Amino acid sequence: METTIIFCEECGHKNVVPLEALEDKSKPIKCEGCLDILRIVKRDERNPEVKVKKDDKDDTLF
């Protein structure tokens, strides 16, 4: 069984989650530390430490 690690945003607990649980959207995944529901945030695969933020406004002056 393949697993992945997801850190809880609330308490910082390191959760080991089976990949099958990520694919099954019917049940939410709860943190083993604080029992809060884990929110899965997609991160930039090339640099997992950096969250990608899109800026909608263009600040170029003409």
PDB file of N, CA and C in Angstrom:
ATOM      1  N   MET A   1       0.842  -1.181   0.000  1.00  0.00           N
ATOM      2  CA  MET A   1       0.000   0.000   0.000  1.00  0.00           C
ATOM      3  C   MET A   1       0.891   1.250   0.000  1.00  0.00           C
ATOM      4  N   GLU A   2       0.675   2.118  -0.981  1.00  0.00           N
ATOM      5  CA  GLU A   2       1.457   3.351  -1.076  1.00  0.00           C
ATOM      6  C   GLU A   2       0.842   4.421  -0.183  1.00  0.00           C
ATOM      7  N   THR A   3       1.711   5.206   0.453  1.00  0.00           N
ATOM      8  CA  THR A   3       1.243   6.269   1.342  1.00  0.00           C
ATOM      9  C   THR A   3       1.908   7.587   0.981  1.00  0.00           C
ATOM     10  N   THR A   4       1.350   8.659   1.497  1.00  0.00           N
ATOM     11  CA  THR A   4       1.930   9.984   1.353  1.00  0.00           C
ATOM     12  C   THR A   4       1.845  10.680   2.706  1.00  0.00           C
ATOM     13  N   ILE A   5       2.615  11.728   2.888  1.00  0.00           N
ATOM     14  CA  ILE A   5       2.624  12.461   4.154  1.00  0.00           C
ATOM     15  C   ILE A   5       1.945  13.810   3.942  1.00  0.00           C
ATOM     16  N   ILE A   6       0.992  14.119   4.826  1.00  0.00           N
ATOM     17  CA  ILE A   6       0.292  15.400   4.781  1.00  0.00           C
ATOM     18  C   ILE A   6       0.409  16.038   6.156  1.00  0.00           C
ATOM     19  N   PHE A   7       0.896  17.274   6.197  1.00  0.00           N
ATOM     20  CA  PHE A   7       1.007  17.998   7.461  1.00  0.00           C
ATOM     21  C   PHE A   7      -0.280  18.776   7.714  1.00  0.00           C
ATOM     22  N   CYS A   8      -0.754  18.746   8.959  1.00  0.00           N
ATOM     23  CA  CYS A   8      -1.965  19.464   9.350  1.00  0.00           C
ATOM     24  C   CYS A   8      -1.652  20.955   9.464  1.00  0.00           C
ATOM     25  N   GLU A   9      -2.519  21.803   8.882  1.00  0.00           N
ATOM     26  CA  GLU A   9      -2.318  23.251   8.967  1.00  0.00           C
ATOM     27  C   GLU A   9      -2.604  23.766  10.373  1.00  0.00           C
ATOM     28  N   GLU A  10      -3.487  23.101  11.109  1.00  0.00           N
ATOM     29  CA  GLU A  10      -3.881  23.573  12.443  1.00  0.00           C
ATOM     30  C   GLU A  10      -2.825  23.266  13.500  1.00  0.00           C
ATOM     31  N   CYS A  11      -2.430  21.973  13.616  1.00  0.00           N
ATOM     32  CA  CYS A  11      -1.543  21.575  14.721  1.00  0.00           C
ATOM     33  C   CYS A  11      -0.146  21.171  14.257  1.00  0.00           C
ATOM     34  N   GLY A  12       0.070  21.027  12.935  1.00  0.00           N
ATOM     35  CA  GLY A  12       1.385  20.678  12.416  1.00  0.00           C
ATOM     36  C   GLY A  12       1.711  19.193  12.479  1.00  0.00           C
ATOM     37  N   HIS A  13       0.725  18.354  12.829  1.00  0.00           N
ATOM     38  CA  HIS A  13       0.957  16.911  12.937  1.00  0.00           C
ATOM     39  C   HIS A  13       1.274  16.315  11.568  1.00  0.00           C
ATOM     40  N   LYS A  14       2.201  15.366  11.548  1.00  0.00           N
ATOM     41  CA  LYS A  14       2.590  14.674  10.316  1.00  0.00           C
ATOM     42  C   LYS A  14       1.695  13.444  10.167  1.00  0.00           C
ATOM     43  N   ASN A  15       0.802  13.448   9.184  1.00  0.00           N
ATOM     44  CA  ASN A  15      -0.145  12.364   8.955  1.00  0.00           C
ATOM     45  C   ASN A  15       0.319  11.493   7.800  1.00  0.00           C
ATOM     46  N   VAL A  16       0.351  10.182   8.016  1.00  0.00           N
ATOM     47  CA  VAL A  16       0.662   9.234   6.951  1.00  0.00           C
ATOM     48  C   VAL A  16      -0.678   8.767   6.389  1.00  0.00           C
ATOM     49  N   VAL A  17      -0.935   9.113   5.120  1.00  0.00           N
ATOM     50  CA  VAL A  17      -2.235   8.864   4.504  1.00  0.00           C
ATOM     51  C   VAL A  17      -2.065   7.930   3.317  1.00  0.00           C
ATOM     52  N   PRO A  18      -2.871   6.839   3.244  1.00  0.00           N
ATOM     53  CA  PRO A  18      -2.828   5.976   2.059  1.00  0.00           C
ATOM     54  C   PRO A  18      -3.337   6.725   0.821  1.00  0.00           C
ATOM     55  N   LEU A  19      -2.742   6.443  -0.329  1.00  0.00           N
ATOM     56  CA  LEU A  19      -3.154   7.114  -1.564  1.00  0.00           C
ATOM     57  C   LEU A  19      -4.599   6.803  -1.929  1.00  0.00           C
ATOM     58  N   GLU A  20      -5.081   5.610  -1.542  1.00  0.00           N
ATOM     59  CA  GLU A  20      -6.477   5.250  -1.825  1.00  0.00           C
ATOM     60  C   GLU A  20      -7.430   6.206  -1.110  1.00  0.00           C
ATOM     61  N   ALA A  21      -7.059   6.649   0.092  1.00  0.00           N
ATOM     62  CA  ALA A  21      -7.910   7.576   0.847  1.00  0.00           C
ATOM     63  C   ALA A  21      -7.981   8.935   0.160  1.00  0.00           C
ATOM     64  N   LEU A  22      -6.909   9.336  -0.515  1.00  0.00           N
ATOM     65  CA  LEU A  22      -6.923  10.607  -1.243  1.00  0.00           C
ATOM     66  C   LEU A  22      -7.847  10.546  -2.452  1.00  0.00           C
ATOM     67  N   GLU A  23      -7.909   9.375  -3.090  1.00  0.00           N
ATOM     68  CA  GLU A  23      -8.743   9.218  -4.275  1.00  0.00           C
ATOM     69  C   GLU A  23     -10.218   9.108  -3.920  1.00  0.00           C
ATOM     70  N   ASP A  24     -10.539   8.578  -2.720  1.00  0.00           N
ATOM     71  CA  ASP A  24     -11.926   8.412  -2.286  1.00  0.00           C
ATOM     72  C   ASP A  24     -12.419   9.734  -1.704  1.00  0.00           C
ATOM     73  N   LYS A  25     -13.217  10.481  -2.480  1.00  0.00           N
ATOM     74  CA  LYS A  25     -13.682  11.804  -2.061  1.00  0.00           C
ATOM     75  C   LYS A  25     -14.910  11.731  -1.149  1.00  0.00           C
ATOM     76  N   SER A  26     -15.479  10.541  -0.924  1.00  0.00           N
ATOM     77  CA  SER A  26     -16.705  10.433  -0.133  1.00  0.00           C
ATOM     78  C   SER A  26     -16.457  10.643   1.356  1.00  0.00           C
ATOM     79  N   LYS A  27     -15.241  10.295   1.849  1.00  0.00           N
ATOM     80  CA  LYS A  27     -14.929  10.453   3.271  1.00  0.00           C
ATOM     81  C   LYS A  27     -13.818  11.477   3.447  1.00  0.00           C
ATOM     82  N   PRO A  28     -14.015  12.477   4.325  1.00  0.00           N
ATOM     83  CA  PRO A  28     -12.918  13.418   4.593  1.00  0.00           C
ATOM     84  C   PRO A  28     -11.821  12.749   5.412  1.00  0.00           C
ATOM     85  N   ILE A  29     -10.593  13.199   5.237  1.00  0.00           N
ATOM     86  CA  ILE A  29      -9.456  12.657   5.983  1.00  0.00           C
ATOM     87  C   ILE A  29      -9.239  13.543   7.202  1.00  0.00           C
ATOM     88  N   LYS A  30      -9.173  12.932   8.391  1.00  0.00           N
ATOM     89  CA  LYS A  30      -8.995  13.695   9.628  1.00  0.00           C
ATOM     90  C   LYS A  30      -7.565  13.574  10.122  1.00  0.00           C
ATOM     91  N   CYS A  31      -7.091  14.641  10.763  1.00  0.00           N
ATOM     92  CA  CYS A  31      -5.760  14.660  11.358  1.00  0.00           C
ATOM     93  C   CYS A  31      -5.725  13.705  12.544  1.00  0.00           C
ATOM     94  N   GLU A  32      -4.635  12.955  12.661  1.00  0.00           N
ATOM     95  CA  GLU A  32      -4.492  12.021  13.777  1.00  0.00           C
ATOM     96  C   GLU A  32      -4.187  12.756  15.078  1.00  0.00           C
ATOM     97  N   GLY A  33      -3.731  14.007  14.991  1.00  0.00           N
ATOM     98  CA  GLY A  33      -3.373  14.776  16.184  1.00  0.00           C
ATOM     99  C   GLY A  33      -4.554  15.528  16.781  1.00  0.00           C
ATOM    100  N   CYS A  34      -5.170  16.424  15.985  1.00  0.00           N
ATOM    101  CA  CYS A  34      -6.232  17.287  16.517  1.00  0.00           C
ATOM    102  C   CYS A  34      -7.620  16.892  16.025  1.00  0.00           C
ATOM    103  N   LEU A  35      -7.728  15.886  15.165  1.00  0.00           N
ATOM    104  CA  LEU A  35      -8.989  15.387  14.601  1.00  0.00           C
ATOM    105  C   LEU A  35      -9.708  16.413  13.726  1.00  0.00           C
ATOM    106  N   ASP A  36      -8.996  17.439  13.266  1.00  0.00           N
ATOM    107  CA  ASP A  36      -9.552  18.406  12.327  1.00  0.00           C
ATOM    108  C   ASP A  36      -9.509  17.791  10.929  1.00  0.00           C
ATOM    109  N   ILE A  37     -10.423  18.182  10.051  1.00  0.00           N
ATOM    110  CA  ILE A  37     -10.436  17.659   8.681  1.00  0.00           C
ATOM    111  C   ILE A  37      -9.285  18.300   7.908  1.00  0.00           C
ATOM    112  N   LEU A  38      -8.473  17.447   7.258  1.00  0.00           N
ATOM    113  CA  LEU A  38      -7.322  17.946   6.494  1.00  0.00           C
ATOM    114  C   LEU A  38      -7.792  18.546   5.180  1.00  0.00           C
ATOM    115  N   ARG A  39      -7.289  19.738   4.875  1.00  0.00           N
ATOM    116  CA  ARG A  39      -7.562  20.354   3.592  1.00  0.00           C
ATOM    117  C   ARG A  39      -6.374  20.073   2.691  1.00  0.00           C
ATOM    118  N   ILE A  40      -6.635  19.460   1.564  1.00  0.00           N
ATOM    119  CA  ILE A  40      -5.561  19.101   0.639  1.00  0.00           C
ATOM    120  C   ILE A  40      -5.297  20.310  -0.265  1.00  0.00           C
ATOM    121  N   VAL A  41      -4.083  20.841  -0.176  1.00  0.00           N
ATOM    122  CA  VAL A  41      -3.687  21.999  -0.975  1.00  0.00           C
ATOM    123  C   VAL A  41      -2.705  21.518  -2.023  1.00  0.00           C
ATOM    124  N   LYS A  42      -2.988  21.829  -3.283  1.00  0.00           N
ATOM    125  CA  LYS A  42      -2.069  21.439  -4.346  1.00  0.00           C
ATOM    126  C   LYS A  42      -0.913  22.420  -4.369  1.00  0.00           C
ATOM    127  N   ARG A  43       0.292  21.906  -4.380  1.00  0.00           N
ATOM    128  CA  ARG A  43       1.480  22.763  -4.376  1.00  0.00           C
ATOM    129  C   ARG A  43       2.230  22.604  -5.689  1.00  0.00           C
ATOM    130  N   ASP A  44       3.107  23.530  -5.944  1.00  0.00           N
ATOM    131  CA  ASP A  44       3.940  23.489  -7.142  1.00  0.00           C
ATOM    132  C   ASP A  44       4.887  22.299  -7.031  1.00  0.00           C
ATOM    133  N   GLU A  45       4.802  21.370  -7.979  1.00  0.00           N
ATOM    134  CA  GLU A  45       5.585  20.130  -7.935  1.00  0.00           C
ATOM    135  C   GLU A  45       7.096  20.398  -8.013  1.00  0.00           C
ATOM    136  N   ARG A  46       7.501  21.442  -8.744  1.00  0.00           N
ATOM    137  CA  ARG A  46       8.928  21.712  -8.925  1.00  0.00           C
ATOM    138  C   ARG A  46       9.578  22.196  -7.635  1.00  0.00           C
ATOM    139  N   ASN A  47       8.848  22.968  -6.839  1.00  0.00           N
ATOM    140  CA  ASN A  47       9.383  23.488  -5.578  1.00  0.00           C
ATOM    141  C   ASN A  47       8.283  23.388  -4.520  1.00  0.00           C
ATOM    142  N   PRO A  48       8.214  22.272  -3.787  1.00  0.00           N
ATOM    143  CA  PRO A  48       7.095  22.045  -2.869  1.00  0.00           C
ATOM    144  C   PRO A  48       7.038  23.022  -1.693  1.00  0.00           C
ATOM    145  N   GLU A  49       8.127  23.746  -1.431  1.00  0.00           N
ATOM    146  CA  GLU A  49       8.132  24.682  -0.308  1.00  0.00           C
ATOM    147  C   GLU A  49       7.419  25.995  -0.648  1.00  0.00           C
ATOM    148  N   VAL A  50       7.252  26.282  -1.939  1.00  0.00           N
ATOM    149  CA  VAL A  50       6.690  27.559  -2.359  1.00  0.00           C
ATOM    150  C   VAL A  50       5.256  27.367  -2.824  1.00  0.00           C
ATOM    151  N   LYS A  51       4.331  28.141  -2.241  1.00  0.00           N
ATOM    152  CA  LYS A  51       2.947  28.120  -2.707  1.00  0.00           C
ATOM    153  C   LYS A  51       2.834  29.066  -3.899  1.00  0.00           C
ATOM    154  N   VAL A  52       2.108  28.654  -4.913  1.00  0.00           N
ATOM    155  CA  VAL A  52       1.971  29.458  -6.121  1.00  0.00           C
ATOM    156  C   VAL A  52       0.786  30.404  -5.943  1.00  0.00           C
ATOM    157  N   LYS A  53       1.025  31.682  -6.161  1.00  0.00           N
ATOM    158  CA  LYS A  53      -0.033  32.683  -6.040  1.00  0.00           C
ATOM    159  C   LYS A  53      -0.108  33.455  -7.340  1.00  0.00           C
ATOM    160  N   LYS A  54      -1.310  33.550  -7.905  1.00  0.00           N
ATOM    161  CA  LYS A  54      -1.491  34.302  -9.141  1.00  0.00           C
ATOM    162  C   LYS A  54      -1.891  35.725  -8.798  1.00  0.00           C
ATOM    163  N   ASP A  55      -1.259  36.674  -9.457  1.00  0.00           N
ATOM    164  CA  ASP A  55      -1.603  38.072  -9.263  1.00  0.00           C
ATOM    165  C   ASP A  55      -2.401  38.528 -10.474  1.00  0.00           C
ATOM    166  N   ASP A  56      -3.648  38.940 -10.243  1.00  0.00           N
ATOM    167  CA  ASP A  56      -4.537  39.294 -11.347  1.00  0.00           C
ATOM    168  C   ASP A  56      -4.262  40.681 -11.920  1.00  0.00           C
ATOM    169  N   LYS A  57      -3.782  41.590 -11.090  1.00  0.00           N
ATOM    170  CA  LYS A  57      -3.607  42.953 -11.589  1.00  0.00           C
ATOM    171  C   LYS A  57      -2.248  43.124 -12.270  1.00  0.00           C
ATOM    172  N   ASP A  58      -2.269  43.885 -13.314  1.00  0.00           N
ATOM    173  CA  ASP A  58      -1.052  44.181 -14.065  1.00  0.00           C
ATOM    174  C   ASP A  58      -0.601  45.579 -13.658  1.00  0.00           C
ATOM    175  N   ASP A  59       0.599  45.706 -13.081  1.00  0.00           N
ATOM    176  CA  ASP A  59       1.050  47.009 -12.595  1.00  0.00           C
ATOM    177  C   ASP A  59       1.996  47.704 -13.574  1.00  0.00           C
ATOM    178  N   THR A  60       1.841  47.420 -14.859  1.00  0.00           N
ATOM    179  CA  THR A  60       2.662  48.076 -15.872  1.00  0.00           C
ATOM    180  C   THR A  60       2.038  49.429 -16.218  1.00  0.00           C
ATOM    181  N   LEU A  61       2.862  50.466 -16.257  1.00  0.00           N
ATOM    182  CA  LEU A  61       2.359  51.806 -16.586  1.00  0.00           C
ATOM    183  C   LEU A  61       2.705  52.144 -18.027  1.00  0.00           C
ATOM    184  N   PHE A  62       1.748  52.783 -18.737  1.00  0.00           N
ATOM    185  CA  PHE A  62       1.969  53.196 -20.124  1.00  0.00           C
ATOM    186  C   PHE A  62       1.928  54.689 -20.223  1.00  0.00           C
TER     187      PHE A  62
END
